[in-house]
Amino acid sequence: MTTKDRIIVALDTDSRATALSLVRQLRAQVGVFKIGSQLFTAEGPAMVREIIELGEKVFLDLKFHDIPNTVARAVSVAASMGVSMLTLHTLGGLSMLESAAREVRESRMSSRRPLLLGVTVLTSMSDTDLEEIGVHAEAETQVARLAGLALKAGLDGVVASPKELPRLRQQYGQSLKLIVPGVRPPGSASHDQTRIATPAEAVHAGADYLVIGRPITGSSDPSGSVQQIIEMIERG
């Protein structure tokens, strides 16, 4: 996998014009563009299709979490749009995850299906946050447990913070793709993220893909910021 292929830019905006401007500026440097709740709520499926029609890959990050049938139907619709990746919350449970995996596996589009990725513990959450919602385990332990559930259900990978990567690689080897948000170049503000690492640290720890938003999209020179990140990764 090339360095370009590893980089996913999060289009965290509610503006179609801003999103398309970023895609056009960065398409030669990055492999995938992520559409999350903000942009999807503002612009809907048309935004997804427009970026795909430009020849780019889309990671649809809506973190589906509902009853199994509802999630299976949502995954089917997302797959029909041509997205390359999509997310489900692993806290939805084994039945929900299996329903989604089965829906994609048995669909007519199975030969070009999206990667199904299980969200484990959000990178904004600390051990204290988990305790407050009744999870009496450290983030690393909870992430590893949920990653095992994703693997059992037939998902392709999980979304986890950089801090859990060594344990996930040790426990599951190459069985799961590891998609990592909370990536910040040295000197960047952490904002609302608590479990973070630099791009080079994340790749060294075993990340397959890096999700990077504000350090690129909030920069006065997004293309230059991507180039700096690429150089950091390739220097190791």
C-alpha atoms as a PDB file:
ATOM      1  CA  MET A   1       0.000   0.000   0.000  1.00  0.00           C
ATOM      2  CA  THR A   2       1.369   3.422  -0.932  1.00  0.00           C
ATOM      3  CA  THR A   3       1.461   6.327   1.495  1.00  0.00           C
ATOM      4  CA  LYS A   4      -1.203   8.062  -0.607  1.00  0.00           C
ATOM      5  CA  ASP A   5      -3.525   5.073  -0.248  1.00  0.00           C
ATOM      6  CA  ARG A   6      -3.211   5.168   3.530  1.00  0.00           C
ATOM      7  CA  ILE A   7      -4.480   8.732   3.923  1.00  0.00           C
ATOM      8  CA  ILE A   8      -8.182   9.410   4.404  1.00  0.00           C
ATOM      9  CA  VAL A   9      -9.171  13.081   4.532  1.00  0.00           C
ATOM     10  CA  ALA A  10     -12.197  13.834   6.695  1.00  0.00           C
ATOM     11  CA  LEU A  11     -14.448  16.334   4.916  1.00  0.00           C
ATOM     12  CA  ASP A  12     -15.891  17.721   8.133  1.00  0.00           C
ATOM     13  CA  THR A  13     -17.817  20.621   6.660  1.00  0.00           C
ATOM     14  CA  ASP A  14     -21.442  21.348   5.856  1.00  0.00           C
ATOM     15  CA  SER A  15     -20.571  23.082   2.584  1.00  0.00           C
ATOM     16  CA  ARG A  16     -20.717  21.276  -0.762  1.00  0.00           C
ATOM     17  CA  ALA A  17     -18.450  23.915  -2.300  1.00  0.00           C
ATOM     18  CA  THR A  18     -15.821  23.549   0.428  1.00  0.00           C
ATOM     19  CA  ALA A  19     -15.923  19.759   0.223  1.00  0.00           C
ATOM     20  CA  LEU A  20     -15.507  19.707  -3.555  1.00  0.00           C
ATOM     21  CA  SER A  21     -12.727  22.290  -3.399  1.00  0.00           C
ATOM     22  CA  LEU A  22     -10.819  20.070  -0.957  1.00  0.00           C
ATOM     23  CA  VAL A  23     -11.369  16.995  -3.126  1.00  0.00           C
ATOM     24  CA  ARG A  24     -10.035  18.775  -6.193  1.00  0.00           C
ATOM     25  CA  GLN A  25      -7.020  20.152  -4.318  1.00  0.00           C
ATOM     26  CA  LEU A  26      -6.066  16.857  -2.678  1.00  0.00           C
ATOM     27  CA  ARG A  27      -7.179  14.080  -5.024  1.00  0.00           C
ATOM     28  CA  ALA A  28      -3.660  13.482  -6.341  1.00  0.00           C
ATOM     29  CA  GLN A  29      -2.254  13.156  -2.815  1.00  0.00           C
ATOM     30  CA  VAL A  30      -4.744  11.075  -0.835  1.00  0.00           C
ATOM     31  CA  GLY A  31      -6.568   7.809  -1.348  1.00  0.00           C
ATOM     32  CA  VAL A  32      -9.994   8.304   0.232  1.00  0.00           C
ATOM     33  CA  PHE A  33     -12.356  11.093   1.299  1.00  0.00           C
ATOM     34  CA  LYS A  34     -14.499  10.629   4.394  1.00  0.00           C
ATOM     35  CA  ILE A  35     -18.061  11.896   4.563  1.00  0.00           C
ATOM     36  CA  GLY A  36     -19.397  11.965   8.101  1.00  0.00           C
ATOM     37  CA  SER A  37     -22.569  13.100   9.813  1.00  0.00           C
ATOM     38  CA  GLN A  38     -22.025  16.832   9.272  1.00  0.00           C
ATOM     39  CA  LEU A  39     -21.583  16.800   5.502  1.00  0.00           C
ATOM     40  CA  PHE A  40     -24.073  13.984   4.930  1.00  0.00           C
ATOM     41  CA  THR A  41     -26.752  15.788   6.950  1.00  0.00           C
ATOM     42  CA  ALA A  42     -26.175  18.978   4.960  1.00  0.00           C
ATOM     43  CA  GLU A  43     -25.854  17.526   1.452  1.00  0.00           C
ATOM     44  CA  GLY A  44     -27.105  13.947   1.582  1.00  0.00           C
ATOM     45  CA  PRO A  45     -26.434  11.061  -0.820  1.00  0.00           C
ATOM     46  CA  ALA A  46     -25.917  13.470  -3.729  1.00  0.00           C
ATOM     47  CA  MET A  47     -22.619  14.547  -2.153  1.00  0.00           C
ATOM     48  CA  VAL A  48     -21.464  10.943  -1.962  1.00  0.00           C
ATOM     49  CA  ARG A  49     -22.328  10.295  -5.588  1.00  0.00           C
ATOM     50  CA  GLU A  50     -20.716  13.517  -6.780  1.00  0.00           C
ATOM     51  CA  ILE A  51     -17.355  12.664  -5.258  1.00  0.00           C
ATOM     52  CA  ILE A  52     -17.514   9.094  -6.579  1.00  0.00           C
ATOM     53  CA  GLU A  53     -18.348  10.447 -10.042  1.00  0.00           C
ATOM     54  CA  LEU A  54     -15.108  12.437  -9.863  1.00  0.00           C
ATOM     55  CA  GLY A  55     -13.352   9.083  -9.665  1.00  0.00           C
ATOM     56  CA  GLU A  56     -12.566   9.260  -5.958  1.00  0.00           C
ATOM     57  CA  LYS A  57     -13.173   6.769  -3.148  1.00  0.00           C
ATOM     58  CA  VAL A  58     -15.632   7.637  -0.385  1.00  0.00           C
ATOM     59  CA  PHE A  59     -15.576   6.438   3.213  1.00  0.00           C
ATOM     60  CA  LEU A  60     -19.135   6.862   4.531  1.00  0.00           C
ATOM     61  CA  ASP A  61     -18.754   7.338   8.269  1.00  0.00           C
ATOM     62  CA  LEU A  62     -22.303   7.317   9.661  1.00  0.00           C
ATOM     63  CA  LYS A  63     -21.677   4.714  12.375  1.00  0.00           C
ATOM     64  CA  PHE A  64     -24.853   2.721  11.816  1.00  0.00           C
ATOM     65  CA  HIS A  65     -26.315   1.544  15.133  1.00  0.00           C
ATOM     66  CA  ASP A  66     -29.872   0.216  15.152  1.00  0.00           C
ATOM     67  CA  ILE A  67     -31.810  -3.038  15.070  1.00  0.00           C
ATOM     68  CA  PRO A  68     -30.260  -5.644  12.731  1.00  0.00           C
ATOM     69  CA  ASN A  69     -32.800  -5.321   9.902  1.00  0.00           C
ATOM     70  CA  THR A  70     -32.590  -1.523   9.802  1.00  0.00           C
ATOM     71  CA  VAL A  71     -28.792  -1.570   9.702  1.00  0.00           C
ATOM     72  CA  ALA A  72     -28.732  -4.266   7.010  1.00  0.00           C
ATOM     73  CA  ARG A  73     -31.024  -2.160   4.810  1.00  0.00           C
ATOM     74  CA  ALA A  74     -28.933   0.975   5.404  1.00  0.00           C
ATOM     75  CA  VAL A  75     -25.746  -0.890   4.511  1.00  0.00           C
ATOM     76  CA  SER A  76     -27.381  -2.163   1.321  1.00  0.00           C
ATOM     77  CA  VAL A  77     -28.280   1.388   0.269  1.00  0.00           C
ATOM     78  CA  ALA A  78     -24.782   2.661   1.055  1.00  0.00           C
ATOM     79  CA  ALA A  79     -23.228  -0.169  -0.956  1.00  0.00           C
ATOM     80  CA  SER A  80     -25.470   0.633  -3.914  1.00  0.00           C
ATOM     81  CA  MET A  81     -24.104   4.194  -3.923  1.00  0.00           C
ATOM     82  CA  GLY A  82     -20.636   2.819  -4.532  1.00  0.00           C
ATOM     83  CA  VAL A  83     -18.903   3.788  -1.288  1.00  0.00           C
ATOM     84  CA  SER A  84     -15.581   2.073  -0.619  1.00  0.00           C
ATOM     85  CA  MET A  85     -15.846   1.947   3.176  1.00  0.00           C
ATOM     86  CA  LEU A  86     -18.569   2.400   5.772  1.00  0.00           C
ATOM     87  CA  THR A  87     -18.858   2.221   9.537  1.00  0.00           C
ATOM     88  CA  LEU A  88     -21.069   0.424  12.043  1.00  0.00           C
ATOM     89  CA  HIS A  89     -21.013   0.778  15.821  1.00  0.00           C
ATOM     90  CA  THR A  90     -19.807  -2.494  17.313  1.00  0.00           C
ATOM     91  CA  LEU A  91     -21.903  -1.735  20.406  1.00  0.00           C
ATOM     92  CA  GLY A  92     -24.902  -2.667  18.249  1.00  0.00           C
ATOM     93  CA  GLY A  93     -23.979  -6.268  19.015  1.00  0.00           C
ATOM     94  CA  LEU A  94     -23.134  -9.442  17.166  1.00  0.00           C
ATOM     95  CA  SER A  95     -26.521  -9.936  15.507  1.00  0.00           C
ATOM     96  CA  MET A  96     -26.515  -6.426  14.055  1.00  0.00           C
ATOM     97  CA  LEU A  97     -22.962  -6.755  12.762  1.00  0.00           C
ATOM     98  CA  GLU A  98     -23.598 -10.183  11.263  1.00  0.00           C
ATOM     99  CA  SER A  99     -26.747  -8.914   9.514  1.00  0.00           C
ATOM    100  CA  ALA A 100     -24.763  -6.129   7.876  1.00  0.00           C
ATOM    101  CA  ALA A 101     -21.973  -8.464   6.793  1.00  0.00           C
ATOM    102  CA  ARG A 102     -24.441 -10.990   5.423  1.00  0.00           C
ATOM    103  CA  GLU A 103     -26.355  -8.308   3.506  1.00  0.00           C
ATOM    104  CA  VAL A 104     -23.216  -7.165   1.708  1.00  0.00           C
ATOM    105  CA  ARG A 105     -21.856 -10.672   1.156  1.00  0.00           C
ATOM    106  CA  GLU A 106     -25.082 -11.896  -0.435  1.00  0.00           C
ATOM    107  CA  SER A 107     -25.809  -8.813  -2.517  1.00  0.00           C
ATOM    108  CA  ARG A 108     -25.393  -8.599  -6.284  1.00  0.00           C
ATOM    109  CA  MET A 109     -22.590  -6.100  -5.661  1.00  0.00           C
ATOM    110  CA  SER A 110     -20.510  -8.435  -3.505  1.00  0.00           C
ATOM    111  CA  SER A 111     -17.610  -8.368  -5.970  1.00  0.00           C
ATOM    112  CA  ARG A 112     -17.149  -4.623  -5.412  1.00  0.00           C
ATOM    113  CA  ARG A 113     -18.554  -4.290  -1.953  1.00  0.00           C
ATOM    114  CA  PRO A 114     -17.396  -1.703   0.589  1.00  0.00           C
ATOM    115  CA  LEU A 115     -15.149  -2.536   3.499  1.00  0.00           C
ATOM    116  CA  LEU A 116     -17.296  -2.888   6.625  1.00  0.00           C
ATOM    117  CA  LEU A 117     -15.600  -1.251   9.596  1.00  0.00           C
ATOM    118  CA  GLY A 118     -16.601  -1.549  13.240  1.00  0.00           C
ATOM    119  CA  VAL A 119     -16.265   1.554  15.392  1.00  0.00           C
ATOM    120  CA  THR A 120     -14.937   0.509  18.797  1.00  0.00           C
ATOM    121  CA  VAL A 121     -14.345   3.343  21.311  1.00  0.00           C
ATOM    122  CA  LEU A 122     -14.412   6.910  20.026  1.00  0.00           C
ATOM    123  CA  THR A 123     -11.013   8.618  20.190  1.00  0.00           C
ATOM    124  CA  SER A 124     -12.582  11.440  22.198  1.00  0.00           C
ATOM    125  CA  MET A 125     -13.353   9.043  25.078  1.00  0.00           C
ATOM    126  CA  SER A 126     -11.090   8.402  28.054  1.00  0.00           C
ATOM    127  CA  ASP A 127     -11.235   5.622  30.642  1.00  0.00           C
ATOM    128  CA  THR A 128     -13.202   8.036  32.850  1.00  0.00           C
ATOM    129  CA  ASP A 129     -15.767   8.565  30.090  1.00  0.00           C
ATOM    130  CA  LEU A 130     -16.208   4.808  29.746  1.00  0.00           C
ATOM    131  CA  GLU A 131     -16.702   4.447  33.490  1.00  0.00           C
ATOM    132  CA  GLU A 132     -19.417   7.112  33.380  1.00  0.00           C
ATOM    133  CA  ILE A 133     -21.451   5.113  30.863  1.00  0.00           C
ATOM    134  CA  GLY A 134     -21.082   1.854  32.761  1.00  0.00           C
ATOM    135  CA  VAL A 135     -18.107   0.293  30.951  1.00  0.00           C
ATOM    136  CA  HIS A 136     -15.821  -0.885  33.735  1.00  0.00           C
ATOM    137  CA  ALA A 137     -12.778  -1.531  31.578  1.00  0.00           C
ATOM    138  CA  GLU A 138      -9.904   0.527  30.260  1.00  0.00           C
ATOM    139  CA  ALA A 139     -10.286   1.784  26.699  1.00  0.00           C
ATOM    140  CA  GLU A 140      -7.618  -0.590  25.398  1.00  0.00           C
ATOM    141  CA  THR A 141      -9.397  -3.621  26.853  1.00  0.00           C
ATOM    142  CA  GLN A 142     -12.791  -2.525  25.564  1.00  0.00           C
ATOM    143  CA  VAL A 143     -11.404  -1.846  22.080  1.00  0.00           C
ATOM    144  CA  ALA A 144      -9.809  -5.294  21.926  1.00  0.00           C
ATOM    145  CA  ARG A 145     -13.045  -6.945  23.068  1.00  0.00           C
ATOM    146  CA  LEU A 146     -15.127  -5.110  20.430  1.00  0.00           C
ATOM    147  CA  ALA A 147     -12.555  -5.825  17.719  1.00  0.00           C
ATOM    148  CA  GLY A 148     -12.969  -9.519  18.468  1.00  0.00           C
ATOM    149  CA  LEU A 149     -16.722  -9.129  18.065  1.00  0.00           C
ATOM    150  CA  ALA A 150     -16.220  -7.418  14.697  1.00  0.00           C
ATOM    151  CA  LEU A 151     -13.962 -10.223  13.510  1.00  0.00           C
ATOM    152  CA  LYS A 152     -16.439 -12.876  14.659  1.00  0.00           C
ATOM    153  CA  ALA A 153     -19.233 -11.091  12.767  1.00  0.00           C
ATOM    154  CA  GLY A 154     -17.278 -11.062   9.515  1.00  0.00           C
ATOM    155  CA  LEU A 155     -16.363  -7.387   9.334  1.00  0.00           C
ATOM    156  CA  ASP A 156     -13.259  -6.302   7.441  1.00  0.00           C
ATOM    157  CA  GLY A 157     -11.736  -4.033  10.034  1.00  0.00           C
ATOM    158  CA  VAL A 158     -12.191  -1.714  12.971  1.00  0.00           C
ATOM    159  CA  VAL A 159     -11.776   1.939  13.801  1.00  0.00           C
ATOM    160  CA  ALA A 160      -9.600   2.438  16.868  1.00  0.00           C
ATOM    161  CA  SER A 161      -7.264   5.030  18.309  1.00  0.00           C
ATOM    162  CA  PRO A 162      -3.488   4.864  17.793  1.00  0.00           C
ATOM    163  CA  LYS A 163      -3.032   3.798  21.403  1.00  0.00           C
ATOM    164  CA  GLU A 164      -4.697   0.423  20.894  1.00  0.00           C
ATOM    165  CA  LEU A 165      -2.869  -0.581  17.715  1.00  0.00           C
ATOM    166  CA  PRO A 166      -0.036  -2.630  19.242  1.00  0.00           C
ATOM    167  CA  ARG A 167      -2.480  -4.768  21.223  1.00  0.00           C
ATOM    168  CA  LEU A 168      -4.794  -5.238  18.258  1.00  0.00           C
ATOM    169  CA  ARG A 169      -1.942  -6.324  15.978  1.00  0.00           C
ATOM    170  CA  GLN A 170      -0.595  -8.670  18.641  1.00  0.00           C
ATOM    171  CA  GLN A 171      -4.025 -10.187  19.339  1.00  0.00           C
ATOM    172  CA  TYR A 172      -5.495 -10.323  15.818  1.00  0.00           C
ATOM    173  CA  GLY A 173      -2.509 -10.073  13.484  1.00  0.00           C
ATOM    174  CA  GLN A 174      -3.520  -9.099   9.965  1.00  0.00           C
ATOM    175  CA  SER A 175      -7.076 -10.438  10.311  1.00  0.00           C
ATOM    176  CA  LEU A 176      -8.527  -6.933  10.567  1.00  0.00           C
ATOM    177  CA  LYS A 177      -7.849  -3.695   8.736  1.00  0.00           C
ATOM    178  CA  LEU A 178      -7.064  -0.974  11.267  1.00  0.00           C
ATOM    179  CA  ILE A 179      -8.432   2.492  10.487  1.00  0.00           C
ATOM    180  CA  VAL A 180      -7.099   5.148  12.815  1.00  0.00           C
ATOM    181  CA  PRO A 181      -8.504   8.599  13.604  1.00  0.00           C
ATOM    182  CA  GLY A 182      -6.945  10.820  16.260  1.00  0.00           C
ATOM    183  CA  VAL A 183      -3.887  11.367  14.061  1.00  0.00           C
ATOM    184  CA  ARG A 184      -2.159  14.684  14.657  1.00  0.00           C
ATOM    185  CA  PRO A 185       1.132  15.968  13.176  1.00  0.00           C
ATOM    186  CA  PRO A 186       3.591  17.248  15.814  1.00  0.00           C
ATOM    187  CA  GLY A 187       2.509  20.631  17.118  1.00  0.00           C
ATOM    188  CA  SER A 188      -1.133  20.274  16.049  1.00  0.00           C
ATOM    189  CA  ALA A 189      -3.912  20.953  18.536  1.00  0.00           C
ATOM    190  CA  SER A 190      -5.590  17.828  19.917  1.00  0.00           C
ATOM    191  CA  HIS A 191      -9.030  19.533  19.920  1.00  0.00           C
ATOM    192  CA  ASP A 192     -11.572  17.044  21.356  1.00  0.00           C
ATOM    193  CA  GLN A 193      -9.368  13.966  20.842  1.00  0.00           C
ATOM    194  CA  THR A 194      -7.790  12.299  23.873  1.00  0.00           C
ATOM    195  CA  ARG A 195      -6.048   9.191  22.460  1.00  0.00           C
ATOM    196  CA  ILE A 196      -3.830  10.492  19.670  1.00  0.00           C
ATOM    197  CA  ALA A 197      -0.512   9.946  17.858  1.00  0.00           C
ATOM    198  CA  THR A 198       1.517  11.408  15.024  1.00  0.00           C
ATOM    199  CA  PRO A 199       1.119   9.955  11.514  1.00  0.00           C
ATOM    200  CA  ALA A 200       4.485   8.188  11.672  1.00  0.00           C
ATOM    201  CA  GLU A 201       3.729   6.738  15.124  1.00  0.00           C
ATOM    202  CA  ALA A 202       0.359   5.410  13.941  1.00  0.00           C
ATOM    203  CA  VAL A 203       1.809   3.700  10.868  1.00  0.00           C
ATOM    204  CA  HIS A 204       4.681   2.255  12.891  1.00  0.00           C
ATOM    205  CA  ALA A 205       2.151   0.863  15.391  1.00  0.00           C
ATOM    206  CA  GLY A 206       0.278  -0.961  12.634  1.00  0.00           C
ATOM    207  CA  ALA A 207      -2.321   1.375  11.112  1.00  0.00           C
ATOM    208  CA  ASP A 208      -3.541   0.515   7.627  1.00  0.00           C
ATOM    209  CA  TYR A 209      -5.345   3.828   7.110  1.00  0.00           C
ATOM    210  CA  LEU A 210      -5.042   7.228   8.797  1.00  0.00           C
ATOM    211  CA  VAL A 211      -8.096   9.480   9.109  1.00  0.00           C
ATOM    212  CA  ILE A 212      -6.975  13.099   9.252  1.00  0.00           C
ATOM    213  CA  GLY A 213      -9.293  16.087   9.279  1.00  0.00           C
ATOM    214  CA  ARG A 214      -8.611  19.464  10.850  1.00  0.00           C
ATOM    215  CA  PRO A 215      -4.791  19.449  10.516  1.00  0.00           C
ATOM    216  CA  ILE A 216      -5.413  19.318   6.743  1.00  0.00           C
ATOM    217  CA  THR A 217      -8.823  20.890   6.131  1.00  0.00           C
ATOM    218  CA  GLY A 218      -8.259  23.710   8.633  1.00  0.00           C
ATOM    219  CA  SER A 219      -4.877  24.580   7.135  1.00  0.00           C
ATOM    220  CA  SER A 220      -4.303  27.640   4.973  1.00  0.00           C
ATOM    221  CA  ASP A 221      -2.474  25.270   2.594  1.00  0.00           C
ATOM    222  CA  PRO A 222      -4.222  21.847   2.673  1.00  0.00           C
ATOM    223  CA  SER A 223      -2.062  20.418  -0.102  1.00  0.00           C
ATOM    224  CA  GLY A 224       1.126  21.511   1.627  1.00  0.00           C
ATOM    225  CA  SER A 225      -0.102  20.004   4.899  1.00  0.00           C
ATOM    226  CA  VAL A 226      -0.745  16.654   3.209  1.00  0.00           C
ATOM    227  CA  GLN A 227       2.701  16.709   1.665  1.00  0.00           C
ATOM    228  CA  GLN A 228       4.273  17.297   5.072  1.00  0.00           C
ATOM    229  CA  ILE A 229       2.316  14.344   6.488  1.00  0.00           C
ATOM    230  CA  ILE A 230       3.428  12.120   3.621  1.00  0.00           C
ATOM    231  CA  GLU A 231       7.047  13.067   4.242  1.00  0.00           C
ATOM    232  CA  MET A 232       6.681  12.358   7.995  1.00  0.00           C
ATOM    233  CA  ILE A 233       5.322   8.888   7.285  1.00  0.00           C
ATOM    234  CA  GLU A 234       7.953   8.044   4.705  1.00  0.00           C
ATOM    235  CA  ARG A 235      10.777   9.217   6.993  1.00  0.00           C
ATOM    236  CA  GLY A 236       9.365   6.794   9.553  1.00  0.00           C
END
